[in-house]
Protein backbone atom coordinates (compact mmCIF):
# COMPACT_ATOMS: atom_id res chain seq x y z
CA UNK A 1 -0.49 21.79 5.24
CA UNK A 2 1.97 23.83 3.20
CA UNK A 3 5.41 22.48 2.43
CA UNK A 4 8.17 24.76 3.68
CA UNK A 5 11.55 25.04 2.01
CA UNK A 6 13.10 23.48 5.09
CA UNK A 7 10.75 20.48 4.81
CA UNK A 8 11.78 19.96 1.20
CA UNK A 9 15.45 20.33 2.09
CA UNK A 10 15.16 17.74 4.85
CA UNK A 11 13.59 15.17 2.53
CA UNK A 12 16.10 15.81 -0.24
CA UNK A 13 18.90 15.45 2.31
CA UNK A 14 17.45 12.16 3.55
CA UNK A 15 17.11 10.77 0.03
CA UNK A 16 20.68 11.68 -0.80
CA UNK A 17 22.18 10.44 2.46
CA UNK A 18 24.06 7.14 2.06
CA UNK A 19 23.26 6.33 5.69
CA UNK A 20 19.63 6.03 4.60
CA UNK A 21 17.68 8.24 6.98
CA UNK A 22 14.50 7.60 4.98
CA UNK A 23 13.78 3.90 4.80
CA UNK A 24 10.91 1.58 3.93
CA UNK A 25 9.02 -0.19 6.67
CA UNK A 26 6.53 -2.90 5.76
CA UNK A 27 2.95 -3.39 6.93
CA UNK A 28 1.55 -6.90 6.46
CA UNK A 29 -1.73 -7.71 4.77
CA UNK A 30 -3.23 -11.06 5.73
CA UNK A 31 -5.95 -13.25 4.25
CA UNK A 32 -8.85 -14.94 6.05
CA UNK A 33 -6.60 -17.78 7.23
CA UNK A 34 -4.14 -15.39 8.88
CA UNK A 35 -1.45 -15.96 6.26
CA UNK A 36 0.64 -12.94 5.26
CA UNK A 37 -0.11 -12.52 1.56
CA UNK A 38 1.49 -9.12 1.01
CA UNK A 39 3.42 -6.30 2.61
CA UNK A 40 3.00 -2.61 1.85
CA UNK A 41 6.20 -0.56 1.64
CA UNK A 42 5.83 2.68 3.61
CA UNK A 43 8.40 5.47 3.91
CA UNK A 44 9.56 6.07 7.48
CA UNK A 45 12.10 8.37 9.09
CA UNK A 46 15.06 6.44 10.42
CA UNK A 47 15.24 6.39 14.27
CA UNK A 48 17.94 8.53 15.82
CA UNK A 49 17.03 11.83 14.13
CA UNK A 50 15.15 13.77 16.83
CA UNK A 51 15.35 17.02 14.84
CA UNK A 52 13.44 15.53 11.90
CA UNK A 53 9.71 14.88 11.49
CA UNK A 54 8.71 11.24 11.99
CA UNK A 55 5.29 11.07 10.33
CA UNK A 56 4.99 9.11 7.11
CA UNK A 57 1.97 11.25 6.23
CA UNK A 58 4.14 14.35 6.59
CA UNK A 59 6.48 12.98 3.92
CA UNK A 60 3.53 12.42 1.59
CA UNK A 61 2.11 15.90 2.24
CA UNK A 62 5.44 17.57 1.47
CA UNK A 63 6.14 15.58 -1.68
CA UNK A 64 2.64 16.06 -3.07
CA UNK A 65 3.24 19.81 -2.80
CA UNK A 66 6.39 19.84 -4.89
CA UNK A 67 8.86 17.48 -3.27
CA UNK A 68 11.12 14.94 -4.99
CA UNK A 69 8.43 12.31 -5.57
CA UNK A 70 10.21 10.21 -8.18
CA UNK A 71 13.41 10.22 -6.15
CA UNK A 72 11.51 8.78 -3.18
CA UNK A 73 9.76 6.25 -5.41
CA UNK A 74 13.08 5.10 -6.87
CA UNK A 75 14.61 4.75 -3.41
CA UNK A 76 11.59 2.82 -2.11
CA UNK A 77 11.57 0.53 -5.16
CA UNK A 78 15.27 -0.27 -4.82
CA UNK A 79 15.15 -1.15 -1.12
CA UNK A 80 11.76 -2.84 -0.98
CA UNK A 81 12.37 -4.96 -4.09
CA UNK A 82 15.67 -6.12 -2.61
CA UNK A 83 13.81 -7.09 0.58
CA UNK A 84 11.14 -8.96 -1.41
CA UNK A 85 13.87 -10.84 -3.26
CA UNK A 86 15.37 -11.89 0.10
CA UNK A 87 11.98 -13.10 1.35
CA UNK A 88 11.36 -15.06 -1.84
CA UNK A 89 14.81 -16.64 -1.58
CA UNK A 90 14.17 -17.48 2.08
CA UNK A 91 11.20 -19.65 1.14
CA UNK A 92 8.27 -17.25 0.76
CA UNK A 93 7.86 -17.03 -3.03
CA UNK A 94 4.13 -16.30 -2.83
CA UNK A 95 4.61 -13.06 -0.87
CA UNK A 96 3.56 -9.91 -2.74
CA UNK A 97 4.71 -6.32 -2.30
CA UNK A 98 2.67 -3.17 -2.80
CA UNK A 99 3.91 0.37 -3.38
CA UNK A 100 2.15 3.71 -3.19
CA UNK A 101 2.53 6.04 -6.14
CA UNK A 102 2.38 9.83 -6.29
CA UNK A 103 0.25 11.50 -8.95
CA UNK A 104 3.34 12.96 -10.57
CA UNK A 105 4.84 9.47 -10.96
CA UNK A 106 1.94 7.87 -12.83
CA UNK A 107 3.59 8.28 -16.21
CA UNK A 108 6.81 6.59 -15.09
CA UNK A 109 5.80 3.99 -12.51
CA UNK A 110 5.27 1.06 -14.90
CA UNK A 111 8.72 1.44 -16.45
CA UNK A 112 10.33 1.92 -13.03
CA UNK A 113 8.72 -1.16 -11.48
CA UNK A 114 9.21 -3.37 -14.54
CA UNK A 115 12.91 -2.53 -14.87
CA UNK A 116 13.63 -3.02 -11.16
CA UNK A 117 11.75 -6.33 -11.07
CA UNK A 118 13.58 -7.63 -14.14
CA UNK A 119 16.96 -6.71 -12.64
CA UNK A 120 16.26 -8.89 -9.60
CA UNK A 121 14.28 -11.60 -11.35
CA UNK A 122 11.13 -10.81 -9.36
CA UNK A 123 7.86 -12.07 -10.87
CA UNK A 124 5.67 -9.13 -11.89
CA UNK A 125 2.58 -10.89 -10.54
CA UNK A 126 3.97 -10.42 -7.01
CA UNK A 127 4.01 -6.63 -7.38
CA UNK A 128 1.12 -4.21 -6.91
CA UNK A 129 0.89 -0.45 -7.26
CA UNK A 130 -1.56 1.40 -4.98
CA UNK A 131 -3.18 4.45 -6.57
CA UNK A 132 -5.33 7.11 -4.91
CA UNK A 133 -8.25 8.77 -6.63
CA UNK A 134 -6.64 12.19 -6.87
CA UNK A 135 -5.70 12.13 -10.57
CA UNK A 136 -7.84 12.09 -13.70
CA UNK A 137 -9.66 8.84 -14.40
CA UNK A 138 -8.18 8.60 -17.88
CA UNK A 139 -4.63 9.05 -16.64
CA UNK A 140 -5.12 6.42 -13.96
CA UNK A 141 -6.80 4.04 -16.42
CA UNK A 142 -3.88 4.40 -18.84
CA UNK A 143 -1.41 3.69 -16.03
CA UNK A 144 -3.30 0.62 -14.84
CA UNK A 145 -3.50 -0.81 -18.36
CA UNK A 146 0.24 -0.32 -18.78
CA UNK A 147 0.89 -2.02 -15.43
CA UNK A 148 -1.33 -4.92 -16.47
CA UNK A 149 0.51 -5.19 -19.79
CA UNK A 150 3.68 -5.78 -17.78
CA UNK A 151 1.92 -8.23 -15.43
CA UNK A 152 1.81 -5.84 -12.44
CA UNK A 153 -1.28 -5.46 -10.26
CA UNK A 154 -3.06 -2.22 -9.35
CA UNK A 155 -5.45 -1.39 -6.51
CA UNK A 156 -7.34 1.75 -5.60
CA UNK A 157 -6.23 3.04 -2.21
CA UNK A 158 -8.23 4.95 0.42
CA UNK A 159 -11.52 4.03 -1.25
CA UNK A 160 -14.39 5.64 0.63
CA UNK A 161 -12.47 8.69 1.81
CA UNK A 162 -10.72 9.95 -1.31
CA UNK A 163 -12.21 11.58 -4.39
CA UNK A 164 -12.68 8.26 -6.16
CA UNK A 165 -16.27 7.06 -6.44
CA UNK A 166 -18.08 4.06 -7.89
CA UNK A 167 -17.56 5.40 -11.40
CA UNK A 168 -13.87 4.62 -11.07
CA UNK A 169 -14.66 0.92 -10.73
CA UNK A 170 -16.51 1.00 -14.05
CA UNK A 171 -13.75 2.84 -15.92
CA UNK A 172 -10.47 1.67 -14.38
CA UNK A 173 -9.69 -2.09 -14.38
CA UNK A 174 -8.34 -2.30 -10.84
CA UNK A 175 -7.48 -5.67 -9.31
CA UNK A 176 -8.59 -4.68 -5.85
CA UNK A 177 -10.00 -2.07 -3.47
CA UNK A 178 -8.49 -0.92 -0.19
CA UNK A 179 -11.30 0.39 1.99
CA UNK A 180 -10.27 3.46 3.96
CA UNK A 181 -10.27 3.51 7.75
CA UNK A 182 -13.04 6.10 7.53
CA UNK A 183 -15.39 3.27 6.50
CA UNK A 184 -13.88 0.63 8.78
CA UNK A 185 -13.35 2.39 12.12
CA UNK A 186 -16.15 1.38 14.50
CA UNK A 187 -17.96 -0.51 11.74
CA UNK A 188 -19.37 -3.00 14.25
CA UNK A 189 -21.34 -0.10 15.78
CA UNK A 190 -22.33 1.59 12.53
CA UNK A 191 -25.08 -0.12 10.49
CA UNK A 192 -24.82 2.39 7.64
CA UNK A 193 -21.11 1.71 7.15
CA UNK A 194 -21.79 -2.03 7.34
CA UNK A 195 -24.39 -1.72 4.58
CA UNK A 196 -22.00 0.26 2.37
CA UNK A 197 -19.12 -2.17 2.90
CA UNK A 198 -21.34 -5.22 2.35
CA UNK A 199 -22.48 -3.89 -1.03
CA UNK A 200 -18.95 -2.82 -2.02
CA UNK A 201 -17.71 -6.35 -1.34
CA UNK A 202 -20.54 -7.79 -3.43
CA UNK A 203 -19.73 -5.39 -6.26
CA UNK A 204 -16.03 -6.25 -6.05
CA UNK A 205 -16.85 -9.96 -6.19
CA UNK A 206 -18.83 -9.42 -9.40
CA UNK A 207 -15.96 -7.41 -10.90
CA UNK A 208 -13.34 -9.98 -9.88
CA UNK A 209 -11.58 -7.67 -7.42
CA UNK A 210 -10.32 -8.43 -3.93
CA UNK A 211 -11.23 -6.13 -1.02
CA UNK A 212 -8.87 -5.18 1.80
CA UNK A 213 -10.21 -3.64 5.01
CA UNK A 214 -7.64 -1.08 6.17
CA UNK A 215 -7.18 0.64 9.50
CA UNK A 216 -8.38 -2.32 11.56
CA UNK A 217 -7.57 -1.69 15.22
CA UNK A 218 -10.02 -3.72 17.30
CA UNK A 219 -11.08 -7.39 17.32
CA UNK A 220 -14.73 -6.38 16.95
CA UNK A 221 -13.92 -4.59 13.69
CA UNK A 222 -12.05 -7.64 12.41
CA UNK A 223 -14.95 -9.93 13.30
CA UNK A 224 -17.45 -7.60 11.63
CA UNK A 225 -15.62 -7.27 8.31
CA UNK A 226 -15.02 -11.02 8.33
CA UNK A 227 -18.77 -11.59 8.57
CA UNK A 228 -19.28 -9.11 5.73
CA UNK A 229 -16.99 -11.15 3.49
CA UNK A 230 -13.85 -9.02 3.21
CA UNK A 231 -10.94 -10.85 1.58
CA UNK A 232 -7.91 -9.25 3.24
CA UNK A 233 -7.03 -7.37 6.41
CA UNK A 234 -4.58 -4.59 7.28
CA UNK A 235 -4.15 -2.31 10.29
CA UNK A 236 -2.46 -1.88 13.63
CA UNK A 237 -4.87 -4.45 15.09
CA UNK A 238 -3.25 -6.96 12.73
CA UNK A 239 0.33 -5.68 12.60
CA UNK A 240 1.97 -2.29 12.30
CA UNK A 241 4.64 -1.23 9.84
CA UNK A 242 7.93 -2.91 10.77
CA UNK A 243 11.49 -3.34 9.58
CA UNK A 244 12.35 -6.04 7.09
CA UNK A 245 13.94 -8.06 9.88
CA UNK A 246 10.73 -8.14 11.90
CA UNK A 247 8.75 -9.08 8.80
CA UNK A 248 11.18 -11.96 8.24
CA UNK A 249 10.41 -13.20 11.76
CA UNK A 250 6.65 -12.91 11.20
CA UNK A 251 6.92 -14.86 7.96
CA UNK A 252 8.91 -17.57 9.69
CA UNK A 253 6.59 -17.78 12.71
CA UNK A 254 3.24 -17.20 11.02
CA UNK A 255 0.44 -15.04 12.43
CA UNK A 256 -2.70 -15.87 14.42
CA UNK A 257 -5.75 -16.88 12.40
CA UNK A 258 -8.36 -14.17 11.84
CA UNK A 259 -12.08 -14.79 12.15
């Protein structure tokens, strides 16, 4: 998909609009007990703008082709960190927050996250940056080491569908792996995918990394990855991306146990 000038103008307009047409929604990640251990901040178009695209992936596509990536990152950090601070204050101090980072932001993300966390008094250990395998290994490794120096976690996103391969796990000291939906969808019917995921989980265990199964939509998939030993779960079959108010309700009420 090519980014048109109008696409770029729309996103710049949204980022500069005080009414906040581009806002973070939050998708929960749960552990094997069903407890929400983290939320992922995802950019979403604000409802009530029928003339504007709604797809979060569309935003990513446009920005990766020359859009205002750092401006979006700064906006997402400001709003999502404020939400995390509210959740911690409301009695959920163990909740973590993860953010996606664009390739162009790798050189700045550690400073951005560290400064914003310090301003709100957020513990760095409750923050994680998600990185895709579409940059050079050395650049990603340098970024992850800088994040770790500041106490911030890092995971590799879309593992199994992106350009990252097993060599990344040997070179880059990630804290976790997020398995792409490409590996997870229909896994209960696909013995080859089950074998791959089983061995990836074993490898992650040896390397001290946690594994999140992403894109879970059906109970049979959840049951299968549970049997395989996955550590965390994310997907519409668990919970979709929601406003901070809905997340507050989920945290207060708890979620059904998985497995």
